[in-house]
Amino acid sequence: MPTTEKDHVYKILELVGSSEKSIEDAIQNAVSRAAKTIREMKWFEIVQTRGHIEGGSVRHYQVTLRVGFTLER
């Protein structure tokens, strides 16, 4: 029986990315690093966003993501 897109099973993992530049950069840092060891990542969901303030300025961004990836058959 052939498999179709609807037959996929996904695993969800949680990642935390950080950056001194931006929230978007923190997301990209997390996804890029995870892509080195995790195949078939398909989507992400932002769960939490945090930051560090120093001297009245934002100095650091931290984003928690849930990432879904397809399990291999």
C-alpha atoms as a PDB file:
ATOM      1  CA  MET A   1       0.000   0.000   0.000  1.00  0.00           C
ATOM      2  CA  PRO A   2       1.610   3.358  -0.988  1.00  0.00           C
ATOM      3  CA  THR A   3       2.129   5.979   1.687  1.00  0.00           C
ATOM      4  CA  THR A   4       0.830   9.512   1.345  1.00  0.00           C
ATOM      5  CA  GLU A   5       1.541  12.821   3.024  1.00  0.00           C
ATOM      6  CA  LYS A   6      -1.254  12.171   5.529  1.00  0.00           C
ATOM      7  CA  ASP A   7       0.527   9.031   6.727  1.00  0.00           C
ATOM      8  CA  HIS A   8       3.401  10.962   8.322  1.00  0.00           C
ATOM      9  CA  VAL A   9       4.046  10.721  12.036  1.00  0.00           C
ATOM     10  CA  TYR A  10       5.798  13.666  13.648  1.00  0.00           C
ATOM     11  CA  LYS A  11       7.999  13.922  16.712  1.00  0.00           C
ATOM     12  CA  ILE A  12       8.081  17.219  18.591  1.00  0.00           C
ATOM     13  CA  LEU A  13      11.158  18.474  20.390  1.00  0.00           C
ATOM     14  CA  GLU A  14      11.839  21.665  22.267  1.00  0.00           C
ATOM     15  CA  LEU A  15      14.769  23.932  21.456  1.00  0.00           C
ATOM     16  CA  VAL A  16      16.008  27.185  22.944  1.00  0.00           C
ATOM     17  CA  GLY A  17      17.854  29.564  20.641  1.00  0.00           C
ATOM     18  CA  SER A  18      19.627  32.733  21.662  1.00  0.00           C
ATOM     19  CA  SER A  19      21.065  35.799  19.967  1.00  0.00           C
ATOM     20  CA  GLU A  20      22.384  39.241  20.761  1.00  0.00           C
ATOM     21  CA  LYS A  21      20.868  40.531  17.467  1.00  0.00           C
ATOM     22  CA  SER A  22      17.160  39.667  17.291  1.00  0.00           C
ATOM     23  CA  ILE A  23      14.352  37.222  17.968  1.00  0.00           C
ATOM     24  CA  GLU A  24      14.515  36.082  14.340  1.00  0.00           C
ATOM     25  CA  ASP A  25      18.234  35.397  14.689  1.00  0.00           C
ATOM     26  CA  ALA A  26      17.604  33.387  17.871  1.00  0.00           C
ATOM     27  CA  ILE A  27      15.073  31.250  15.972  1.00  0.00           C
ATOM     28  CA  GLN A  28      17.465  30.737  13.058  1.00  0.00           C
ATOM     29  CA  ASN A  29      20.313  29.829  15.435  1.00  0.00           C
ATOM     30  CA  ALA A  30      18.186  27.112  17.065  1.00  0.00           C
ATOM     31  CA  VAL A  31      16.939  25.673  13.761  1.00  0.00           C
ATOM     32  CA  SER A  32      20.358  25.801  12.070  1.00  0.00           C
ATOM     33  CA  ARG A  33      22.071  24.044  14.947  1.00  0.00           C
ATOM     34  CA  ALA A  34      19.370  21.358  15.220  1.00  0.00           C
ATOM     35  CA  ALA A  35      19.554  20.745  11.442  1.00  0.00           C
ATOM     36  CA  LYS A  36      23.092  19.420  11.917  1.00  0.00           C
ATOM     37  CA  THR A  37      21.758  16.326  13.690  1.00  0.00           C
ATOM     38  CA  ILE A  38      17.992  16.207  13.021  1.00  0.00           C
ATOM     39  CA  ARG A  39      16.594  15.417   9.581  1.00  0.00           C
ATOM     40  CA  GLU A  40      13.195  16.218   8.135  1.00  0.00           C
ATOM     41  CA  MET A  41      12.273  19.195  10.332  1.00  0.00           C
ATOM     42  CA  LYS A  42       8.989  20.531   8.960  1.00  0.00           C
ATOM     43  CA  TRP A  43       7.654  23.305  11.222  1.00  0.00           C
ATOM     44  CA  PHE A  44       8.209  25.281  14.408  1.00  0.00           C
ATOM     45  CA  GLU A  45       6.045  27.002  16.983  1.00  0.00           C
ATOM     46  CA  ILE A  46       7.251  29.764  19.293  1.00  0.00           C
ATOM     47  CA  VAL A  47       6.451  28.784  22.867  1.00  0.00           C
ATOM     48  CA  GLN A  48       8.199  31.515  24.832  1.00  0.00           C
ATOM     49  CA  THR A  49      10.230  34.641  24.189  1.00  0.00           C
ATOM     50  CA  ARG A  50      12.550  36.152  26.776  1.00  0.00           C
ATOM     51  CA  GLY A  51      15.208  38.800  26.837  1.00  0.00           C
ATOM     52  CA  HIS A  52      17.916  40.272  29.002  1.00  0.00           C
ATOM     53  CA  ILE A  53      17.996  43.997  29.748  1.00  0.00           C
ATOM     54  CA  GLU A  54      21.209  45.730  30.707  1.00  0.00           C
ATOM     55  CA  GLY A  55      21.670  49.468  31.191  1.00  0.00           C
ATOM     56  CA  GLY A  56      18.196  50.194  29.865  1.00  0.00           C
ATOM     57  CA  SER A  57      18.795  48.317  26.571  1.00  0.00           C
ATOM     58  CA  VAL A  58      17.907  44.881  25.300  1.00  0.00           C
ATOM     59  CA  ARG A  59      21.160  42.917  25.290  1.00  0.00           C
ATOM     60  CA  HIS A  60      20.104  39.355  24.559  1.00  0.00           C
ATOM     61  CA  TYR A  61      17.117  37.470  23.088  1.00  0.00           C
ATOM     62  CA  GLN A  62      16.099  33.917  23.947  1.00  0.00           C
ATOM     63  CA  VAL A  63      13.318  31.991  22.184  1.00  0.00           C
ATOM     64  CA  THR A  64      11.883  28.592  23.092  1.00  0.00           C
ATOM     65  CA  LEU A  65      10.555  26.656  20.086  1.00  0.00           C
ATOM     66  CA  ARG A  66       8.699  23.425  19.530  1.00  0.00           C
ATOM     67  CA  VAL A  67       9.976  21.852  16.346  1.00  0.00           C
ATOM     68  CA  GLY A  68       8.164  19.067  14.501  1.00  0.00           C
ATOM     69  CA  PHE A  69      10.035  16.588  12.369  1.00  0.00           C
ATOM     70  CA  THR A  70       8.942  13.534  10.400  1.00  0.00           C
ATOM     71  CA  LEU A  71       9.831  10.142  11.829  1.00  0.00           C
ATOM     72  CA  GLU A  72      11.622   7.877   9.389  1.00  0.00           C
ATOM     73  CA  ARG A  73       9.898   4.706   8.315  1.00  0.00           C
END
